[in-house]
Amino acid sequence: MSDVISSTLEVLKQAVEDREEREPNKAVQTFSFVLDKPEQISVGSEIRDQFVAWLKARFPKRTVRSDGYPDGGYKIMATVHN
């Protein structure tokens, strides 16, 4: 895994963990991120795939839905349903 992917994933994971601390057991959690650095945009779909895999492993009994697309950067959206 490249340094760009691993460092970006760490930031996304930390955001999820921070939200979990603030709002534990929330029925629906929505996460939205915009990757805006050229080196992130070029691997945006891979970052999204790995982020979603991590969400599914972290919340195995919940439904995870996601989308990702380039639009002034690479946008990643994920929703976790309890």
PDB file of N, CA and C in Angstrom:
ATOM      1  N   MET A   1       0.852  -1.170   0.000  1.00  0.00           N
ATOM      2  CA  MET A   1       0.000   0.000   0.000  1.00  0.00           C
ATOM      3  C   MET A   1       0.902   1.239   0.000  1.00  0.00           C
ATOM      4  N   SER A   2       0.549   2.178  -0.816  1.00  0.00           N
ATOM      5  CA  SER A   2       1.368   3.389  -0.914  1.00  0.00           C
ATOM      6  C   SER A   2       1.209   4.256   0.339  1.00  0.00           C
ATOM      7  N   ASP A   3       2.179   5.136   0.534  1.00  0.00           N
ATOM      8  CA  ASP A   3       2.126   6.052   1.678  1.00  0.00           C
ATOM      9  C   ASP A   3       0.906   6.966   1.605  1.00  0.00           C
ATOM     10  N   VAL A   4       0.551   7.384   0.391  1.00  0.00           N
ATOM     11  CA  VAL A   4      -0.612   8.266   0.217  1.00  0.00           C
ATOM     12  C   VAL A   4      -1.877   7.555   0.679  1.00  0.00           C
ATOM     13  N   ILE A   5      -2.033   6.312   0.255  1.00  0.00           N
ATOM     14  CA  ILE A   5      -3.231   5.554   0.628  1.00  0.00           C
ATOM     15  C   ILE A   5      -3.268   5.320   2.131  1.00  0.00           C
ATOM     16  N   SER A   6      -2.163   4.847   2.693  1.00  0.00           N
ATOM     17  CA  SER A   6      -2.172   4.529   4.124  1.00  0.00           C
ATOM     18  C   SER A   6      -2.364   5.773   4.988  1.00  0.00           C
ATOM     19  N   SER A   7      -1.726   6.882   4.641  1.00  0.00           N
ATOM     20  CA  SER A   7      -1.887   8.092   5.458  1.00  0.00           C
ATOM     21  C   SER A   7      -3.301   8.660   5.332  1.00  0.00           C
ATOM     22  N   THR A   8      -3.876   8.599   4.139  1.00  0.00           N
ATOM     23  CA  THR A   8      -5.249   9.085   3.953  1.00  0.00           C
ATOM     24  C   THR A   8      -6.237   8.203   4.704  1.00  0.00           C
ATOM     25  N   LEU A   9      -6.044   6.890   4.639  1.00  0.00           N
ATOM     26  CA  LEU A   9      -6.925   5.975   5.368  1.00  0.00           C
ATOM     27  C   LEU A   9      -6.871   6.237   6.868  1.00  0.00           C
ATOM     28  N   GLU A  10      -5.706   6.523   7.386  1.00  0.00           N
ATOM     29  CA  GLU A  10      -5.584   6.811   8.818  1.00  0.00           C
ATOM     30  C   GLU A  10      -6.409   8.032   9.209  1.00  0.00           C
ATOM     31  N   VAL A  11      -6.394   9.056   8.368  1.00  0.00           N
ATOM     32  CA  VAL A  11      -7.189  10.262   8.641  1.00  0.00           C
ATOM     33  C   VAL A  11      -8.684   9.928   8.626  1.00  0.00           C
ATOM     34  N   LEU A  12      -9.116   9.143   7.636  1.00  0.00           N
ATOM     35  CA  LEU A  12     -10.532   8.777   7.537  1.00  0.00           C
ATOM     36  C   LEU A  12     -10.954   7.918   8.730  1.00  0.00           C
ATOM     37  N   LYS A  13     -10.123   6.953   9.091  1.00  0.00           N
ATOM     38  CA  LYS A  13     -10.427   6.086  10.236  1.00  0.00           C
ATOM     39  C   LYS A  13     -10.535   6.899  11.522  1.00  0.00           C
ATOM     40  N   GLN A  14      -9.630   7.843  11.695  1.00  0.00           N
ATOM     41  CA  GLN A  14      -9.653   8.671  12.903  1.00  0.00           C
ATOM     42  C   GLN A  14     -10.941   9.489  12.975  1.00  0.00           C
ATOM     43  N   ALA A  15     -11.400   9.973  11.837  1.00  0.00           N
ATOM     44  CA  ALA A  15     -12.661  10.729  11.803  1.00  0.00           C
ATOM     45  C   ALA A  15     -13.831   9.851  12.243  1.00  0.00           C
ATOM     46  N   VAL A  16     -13.844   8.598  11.804  1.00  0.00           N
ATOM     47  CA  VAL A  16     -14.901   7.667  12.200  1.00  0.00           C
ATOM     48  C   VAL A  16     -14.822   7.398  13.704  1.00  0.00           C
ATOM     49  N   GLU A  17     -13.620   7.140  14.195  1.00  0.00           N
ATOM     50  CA  GLU A  17     -13.452   6.854  15.618  1.00  0.00           C
ATOM     51  C   GLU A  17     -13.848   8.056  16.478  1.00  0.00           C
ATOM     52  N   ASP A  18     -13.500   9.254  16.024  1.00  0.00           N
ATOM     53  CA  ASP A  18     -13.898  10.464  16.753  1.00  0.00           C
ATOM     54  C   ASP A  18     -15.417  10.600  16.806  1.00  0.00           C
ATOM     55  N   ARG A  19     -16.071  10.320  15.696  1.00  0.00           N
ATOM     56  CA  ARG A  19     -17.543  10.397  15.654  1.00  0.00           C
ATOM     57  C   ARG A  19     -18.151   9.361  16.588  1.00  0.00           C
ATOM     58  N   GLU A  20     -17.588   8.165  16.614  1.00  0.00           N
ATOM     59  CA  GLU A  20     -18.089   7.109  17.497  1.00  0.00           C
ATOM     60  C   GLU A  20     -18.007   7.535  18.962  1.00  0.00           C
ATOM     61  N   GLU A  21     -16.952   8.247  19.315  1.00  0.00           N
ATOM     62  CA  GLU A  21     -16.815   8.721  20.696  1.00  0.00           C
ATOM     63  C   GLU A  21     -17.873   9.770  21.022  1.00  0.00           C
ATOM     64  N   ARG A  22     -18.142  10.651  20.074  1.00  0.00           N
ATOM     65  CA  ARG A  22     -19.120  11.726  20.294  1.00  0.00           C
ATOM     66  C   ARG A  22     -20.555  11.228  20.235  1.00  0.00           C
ATOM     67  N   GLU A  23     -20.822  10.290  19.337  1.00  0.00           N
ATOM     68  CA  GLU A  23     -22.197   9.834  19.106  1.00  0.00           C
ATOM     69  C   GLU A  23     -22.256   8.308  19.052  1.00  0.00           C
ATOM     70  N   PRO A  24     -21.983   7.639  20.176  1.00  0.00           N
ATOM     71  CA  PRO A  24     -22.015   6.177  20.151  1.00  0.00           C
ATOM     72  C   PRO A  24     -23.437   5.661  19.921  1.00  0.00           C
ATOM     73  N   ASN A  25     -23.531   4.552  19.233  1.00  0.00           N
ATOM     74  CA  ASN A  25     -24.811   3.866  19.001  1.00  0.00           C
ATOM     75  C   ASN A  25     -25.825   4.673  18.211  1.00  0.00           C
ATOM     76  N   LYS A  26     -25.375   5.639  17.444  1.00  0.00           N
ATOM     77  CA  LYS A  26     -26.294   6.391  16.594  1.00  0.00           C
ATOM     78  C   LYS A  26     -26.828   5.446  15.515  1.00  0.00           C
ATOM     79  N   ALA A  27     -28.106   5.506  15.235  1.00  0.00           N
ATOM     80  CA  ALA A  27     -28.737   4.563  14.307  1.00  0.00           C
ATOM     81  C   ALA A  27     -28.170   4.650  12.895  1.00  0.00           C
ATOM     82  N   VAL A  28     -27.940   5.860  12.417  1.00  0.00           N
ATOM     83  CA  VAL A  28     -27.379   6.044  11.074  1.00  0.00           C
ATOM     84  C   VAL A  28     -26.230   7.038  11.181  1.00  0.00           C
ATOM     85  N   GLN A  29     -25.103   6.642  10.650  1.00  0.00           N
ATOM     86  CA  GLN A  29     -23.947   7.536  10.628  1.00  0.00           C
ATOM     87  C   GLN A  29     -23.560   7.766   9.178  1.00  0.00           C
ATOM     88  N   THR A  30     -23.389   9.015   8.815  1.00  0.00           N
ATOM     89  CA  THR A  30     -22.997   9.360   7.453  1.00  0.00           C
ATOM     90  C   THR A  30     -21.644  10.049   7.492  1.00  0.00           C
ATOM     91  N   PHE A  31     -20.765   9.592   6.619  1.00  0.00           N
ATOM     92  CA  PHE A  31     -19.422  10.156   6.523  1.00  0.00           C
ATOM     93  C   PHE A  31     -19.219  10.668   5.106  1.00  0.00           C
ATOM     94  N   SER A  32     -18.657  11.847   5.001  1.00  0.00           N
ATOM     95  CA  SER A  32     -18.406  12.443   3.696  1.00  0.00           C
ATOM     96  C   SER A  32     -17.030  13.097   3.718  1.00  0.00           C
ATOM     97  N   PHE A  33     -16.227  12.758   2.729  1.00  0.00           N
ATOM     98  CA  PHE A  33     -14.868  13.275   2.643  1.00  0.00           C
ATOM     99  C   PHE A  33     -14.578  13.699   1.211  1.00  0.00           C
ATOM    100  N   VAL A  34     -13.749  14.717   1.058  1.00  0.00           N
ATOM    101  CA  VAL A  34     -13.284  15.126  -0.263  1.00  0.00           C
ATOM    102  C   VAL A  34     -11.767  15.038  -0.265  1.00  0.00           C
ATOM    103  N   LEU A  35     -11.249  14.200  -1.142  1.00  0.00           N
ATOM    104  CA  LEU A  35      -9.806  14.102  -1.331  1.00  0.00           C
ATOM    105  C   LEU A  35      -9.448  15.153  -2.366  1.00  0.00           C
ATOM    106  N   ASP A  36      -8.586  16.089  -1.994  1.00  0.00           N
ATOM    107  CA  ASP A  36      -8.332  17.196  -2.917  1.00  0.00           C
ATOM    108  C   ASP A  36      -6.891  17.316  -3.392  1.00  0.00           C
ATOM    109  N   LYS A  37      -6.016  16.489  -2.882  1.00  0.00           N
ATOM    110  CA  LYS A  37      -4.631  16.516  -3.349  1.00  0.00           C
ATOM    111  C   LYS A  37      -4.518  15.629  -4.586  1.00  0.00           C
ATOM    112  N   PRO A  38      -3.778  16.062  -5.598  1.00  0.00           N
ATOM    113  CA  PRO A  38      -3.668  15.273  -6.835  1.00  0.00           C
ATOM    114  C   PRO A  38      -3.253  13.820  -6.598  1.00  0.00           C
ATOM    115  N   GLU A  39      -2.341  13.599  -5.651  1.00  0.00           N
ATOM    116  CA  GLU A  39      -1.899  12.225  -5.392  1.00  0.00           C
ATOM    117  C   GLU A  39      -2.995  11.390  -4.729  1.00  0.00           C
ATOM    118  N   GLN A  40      -3.924  12.027  -4.015  1.00  0.00           N
ATOM    119  CA  GLN A  40      -5.064  11.319  -3.437  1.00  0.00           C
ATOM    120  C   GLN A  40      -6.127  11.052  -4.498  1.00  0.00           C
ATOM    121  N   ILE A  41      -6.369  12.037  -5.337  1.00  0.00           N
ATOM    122  CA  ILE A  41      -7.391  11.906  -6.374  1.00  0.00           C
ATOM    123  C   ILE A  41      -7.068  10.743  -7.301  1.00  0.00           C
ATOM    124  N   SER A  42      -5.794  10.589  -7.634  1.00  0.00           N
ATOM    125  CA  SER A  42      -5.401   9.539  -8.582  1.00  0.00           C
ATOM    126  C   SER A  42      -5.646   8.135  -8.033  1.00  0.00           C
ATOM    127  N   VAL A  43      -5.707   7.978  -6.717  1.00  0.00           N
ATOM    128  CA  VAL A  43      -5.965   6.667  -6.108  1.00  0.00           C
ATOM    129  C   VAL A  43      -7.254   6.701  -5.274  1.00  0.00           C
ATOM    130  N   GLY A  44      -8.129   7.645  -5.582  1.00  0.00           N
ATOM    131  CA  GLY A  44      -9.358   7.832  -4.814  1.00  0.00           C
ATOM    132  C   GLY A  44     -10.230   6.600  -4.725  1.00  0.00           C
ATOM    133  N   SER A  45     -10.401   5.893  -5.829  1.00  0.00           N
ATOM    134  CA  SER A  45     -11.270   4.709  -5.793  1.00  0.00           C
ATOM    135  C   SER A  45     -10.666   3.609  -4.929  1.00  0.00           C
ATOM    136  N   GLU A  46      -9.352   3.489  -4.933  1.00  0.00           N
ATOM    137  CA  GLU A  46      -8.701   2.484  -4.083  1.00  0.00           C
ATOM    138  C   GLU A  46      -8.829   2.864  -2.602  1.00  0.00           C
ATOM    139  N   ILE A  47      -8.674   4.147  -2.303  1.00  0.00           N
ATOM    140  CA  ILE A  47      -8.855   4.614  -0.926  1.00  0.00           C
ATOM    141  C   ILE A  47     -10.281   4.322  -0.479  1.00  0.00           C
ATOM    142  N   ARG A  48     -11.255   4.629  -1.332  1.00  0.00           N
ATOM    143  CA  ARG A  48     -12.659   4.369  -1.007  1.00  0.00           C
ATOM    144  C   ARG A  48     -12.896   2.891  -0.747  1.00  0.00           C
ATOM    145  N   ASP A  49     -12.387   2.031  -1.633  1.00  0.00           N
ATOM    146  CA  ASP A  49     -12.588   0.589  -1.467  1.00  0.00           C
ATOM    147  C   ASP A  49     -12.019   0.092  -0.142  1.00  0.00           C
ATOM    148  N   GLN A  50     -10.827   0.549   0.196  1.00  0.00           N
ATOM    149  CA  GLN A  50     -10.205   0.106   1.445  1.00  0.00           C
ATOM    150  C   GLN A  50     -10.909   0.699   2.665  1.00  0.00           C
ATOM    151  N   PHE A  51     -11.374   1.926   2.548  1.00  0.00           N
ATOM    152  CA  PHE A  51     -12.115   2.552   3.643  1.00  0.00           C
ATOM    153  C   PHE A  51     -13.420   1.804   3.898  1.00  0.00           C
ATOM    154  N   VAL A  52     -14.130   1.459   2.848  1.00  0.00           N
ATOM    155  CA  VAL A  52     -15.394   0.727   2.987  1.00  0.00           C
ATOM    156  C   VAL A  52     -15.142  -0.660   3.575  1.00  0.00           C
ATOM    157  N   ALA A  53     -14.086  -1.327   3.137  1.00  0.00           N
ATOM    158  CA  ALA A  53     -13.743  -2.640   3.700  1.00  0.00           C
ATOM    159  C   ALA A  53     -13.474  -2.511   5.203  1.00  0.00           C
ATOM    160  N   TRP A  54     -12.785  -1.447   5.594  1.00  0.00           N
ATOM    161  CA  TRP A  54     -12.505  -1.214   7.007  1.00  0.00           C
ATOM    162  C   TRP A  54     -13.808  -0.959   7.773  1.00  0.00           C
ATOM    163  N   LEU A  55     -14.711  -0.146   7.201  1.00  0.00           N
ATOM    164  CA  LEU A  55     -15.998   0.109   7.857  1.00  0.00           C
ATOM    165  C   LEU A  55     -16.775  -1.191   8.059  1.00  0.00           C
ATOM    166  N   LYS A  56     -16.795  -2.043   7.050  1.00  0.00           N
ATOM    167  CA  LYS A  56     -17.527  -3.314   7.150  1.00  0.00           C
ATOM    168  C   LYS A  56     -16.913  -4.218   8.206  1.00  0.00           C
ATOM    169  N   ALA A  57     -15.592  -4.194   8.338  1.00  0.00           N
ATOM    170  CA  ALA A  57     -14.929  -4.991   9.372  1.00  0.00           C
ATOM    171  C   ALA A  57     -15.185  -4.395  10.759  1.00  0.00           C
ATOM    172  N   ARG A  58     -15.217  -3.077  10.856  1.00  0.00           N
ATOM    173  CA  ARG A  58     -15.439  -2.397  12.138  1.00  0.00           C
ATOM    174  C   ARG A  58     -16.885  -2.547  12.603  1.00  0.00           C
ATOM    175  N   PHE A  59     -17.826  -2.550  11.668  1.00  0.00           N
ATOM    176  CA  PHE A  59     -19.249  -2.648  11.983  1.00  0.00           C
ATOM    177  C   PHE A  59     -19.843  -3.869  11.274  1.00  0.00           C
ATOM    178  N   PRO A  60     -19.455  -5.081  11.672  1.00  0.00           N
ATOM    179  CA  PRO A  60     -19.843  -6.279  10.909  1.00  0.00           C
ATOM    180  C   PRO A  60     -21.342  -6.575  10.887  1.00  0.00           C
ATOM    181  N   LYS A  61     -22.083  -6.095  11.869  1.00  0.00           N
ATOM    182  CA  LYS A  61     -23.519  -6.390  11.916  1.00  0.00           C
ATOM    183  C   LYS A  61     -24.362  -5.264  11.343  1.00  0.00           C
ATOM    184  N   ARG A  62     -23.713  -4.256  10.791  1.00  0.00           N
ATOM    185  CA  ARG A  62     -24.432  -3.110  10.242  1.00  0.00           C
ATOM    186  C   ARG A  62     -24.341  -3.107   8.718  1.00  0.00           C
ATOM    187  N   THR A  63     -25.253  -2.402   8.099  1.00  0.00           N
ATOM    188  CA  THR A  63     -25.236  -2.246   6.649  1.00  0.00           C
ATOM    189  C   THR A  63     -24.411  -1.016   6.303  1.00  0.00           C
ATOM    190  N   VAL A  64     -23.467  -1.194   5.386  1.00  0.00           N
ATOM    191  CA  VAL A  64     -22.621  -0.087   4.945  1.00  0.00           C
ATOM    192  C   VAL A  64     -22.910   0.172   3.474  1.00  0.00           C
ATOM    193  N   ARG A  65     -23.255   1.392   3.157  1.00  0.00           N
ATOM    194  CA  ARG A  65     -23.461   1.801   1.761  1.00  0.00           C
ATOM    195  C   ARG A  65     -22.487   2.918   1.462  1.00  0.00           C
ATOM    196  N   SER A  66     -21.991   2.928   0.226  1.00  0.00           N
ATOM    197  CA  SER A  66     -20.994   3.951  -0.091  1.00  0.00           C
ATOM    198  C   SER A  66     -21.039   4.340  -1.554  1.00  0.00           C
ATOM    199  N   ASP A  67     -20.421   5.467  -1.825  1.00  0.00           N
ATOM    200  CA  ASP A  67     -20.274   5.959  -3.185  1.00  0.00           C
ATOM    201  C   ASP A  67     -18.987   6.761  -3.224  1.00  0.00           C
ATOM    202  N   GLY A  68     -18.392   6.822  -4.384  1.00  0.00           N
ATOM    203  CA  GLY A  68     -17.196   7.625  -4.568  1.00  0.00           C
ATOM    204  C   GLY A  68     -17.101   8.031  -6.024  1.00  0.00           C
ATOM    205  N   TYR A  69     -16.726   9.282  -6.250  1.00  0.00           N
ATOM    206  CA  TYR A  69     -16.633   9.757  -7.629  1.00  0.00           C
ATOM    207  C   TYR A  69     -15.776  11.018  -7.684  1.00  0.00           C
ATOM    208  N   PRO A  70     -15.147  11.247  -8.847  1.00  0.00           N
ATOM    209  CA  PRO A  70     -14.365  12.473  -9.016  1.00  0.00           C
ATOM    210  C   PRO A  70     -15.300  13.648  -9.306  1.00  0.00           C
ATOM    211  N   ASP A  71     -15.079  14.743  -8.597  1.00  0.00           N
ATOM    212  CA  ASP A  71     -15.875  15.954  -8.807  1.00  0.00           C
ATOM    213  C   ASP A  71     -15.199  17.085  -8.041  1.00  0.00           C
ATOM    214  N   GLY A  72     -14.274  17.751  -8.678  1.00  0.00           N
ATOM    215  CA  GLY A  72     -13.512  18.783  -7.989  1.00  0.00           C
ATOM    216  C   GLY A  72     -12.650  18.193  -6.896  1.00  0.00           C
ATOM    217  N   GLY A  73     -12.177  17.007  -7.104  1.00  0.00           N
ATOM    218  CA  GLY A  73     -11.467  16.186  -6.128  1.00  0.00           C
ATOM    219  C   GLY A  73     -12.054  14.799  -6.246  1.00  0.00           C
ATOM    220  N   TYR A  74     -11.859  13.968  -5.253  1.00  0.00           N
ATOM    221  CA  TYR A  74     -12.520  12.667  -5.247  1.00  0.00           C
ATOM    222  C   TYR A  74     -13.379  12.623  -3.994  1.00  0.00           C
ATOM    223  N   LYS A  75     -14.681  12.478  -4.177  1.00  0.00           N
ATOM    224  CA  LYS A  75     -15.621  12.497  -3.060  1.00  0.00           C
ATOM    225  C   LYS A  75     -15.925  11.070  -2.614  1.00  0.00           C
ATOM    226  N   ILE A  76     -15.886  10.883  -1.318  1.00  0.00           N
ATOM    227  CA  ILE A  76     -16.220   9.594  -0.717  1.00  0.00           C
ATOM    228  C   ILE A  76     -17.358   9.832   0.261  1.00  0.00           C
ATOM    229  N   MET A  77     -18.427   9.063   0.102  1.00  0.00           N
ATOM    230  CA  MET A  77     -19.545   9.118   1.025  1.00  0.00           C
ATOM    231  C   MET A  77     -19.847   7.705   1.485  1.00  0.00           C
ATOM    232  N   ALA A  78     -20.087   7.559   2.765  1.00  0.00           N
ATOM    233  CA  ALA A  78     -20.436   6.250   3.307  1.00  0.00           C
ATOM    234  C   ALA A  78     -21.496   6.442   4.383  1.00  0.00           C
ATOM    235  N   THR A  79     -22.440   5.521   4.405  1.00  0.00           N
ATOM    236  CA  THR A  79     -23.493   5.533   5.408  1.00  0.00           C
ATOM    237  C   THR A  79     -23.490   4.186   6.108  1.00  0.00           C
ATOM    238  N   VAL A  80     -23.518   4.225   7.435  1.00  0.00           N
ATOM    239  CA  VAL A  80     -23.552   3.010   8.247  1.00  0.00           C
ATOM    240  C   VAL A  80     -24.901   2.984   8.956  1.00  0.00           C
ATOM    241  N   HIS A  81     -25.691   1.943   8.680  1.00  0.00           N
ATOM    242  CA  HIS A  81     -27.023   1.788   9.279  1.00  0.00           C
ATOM    243  C   HIS A  81     -26.943   0.757  10.394  1.00  0.00           C
ATOM    244  N   ASN A  82     -27.513   1.080  11.541  1.00  0.00           N
ATOM    245  CA  ASN A  82     -27.534   0.161  12.670  1.00  0.00           C
ATOM    246  C   ASN A  82     -28.463  -0.991  12.419  1.00  0.00           C
TER     247      ASN A  82
END
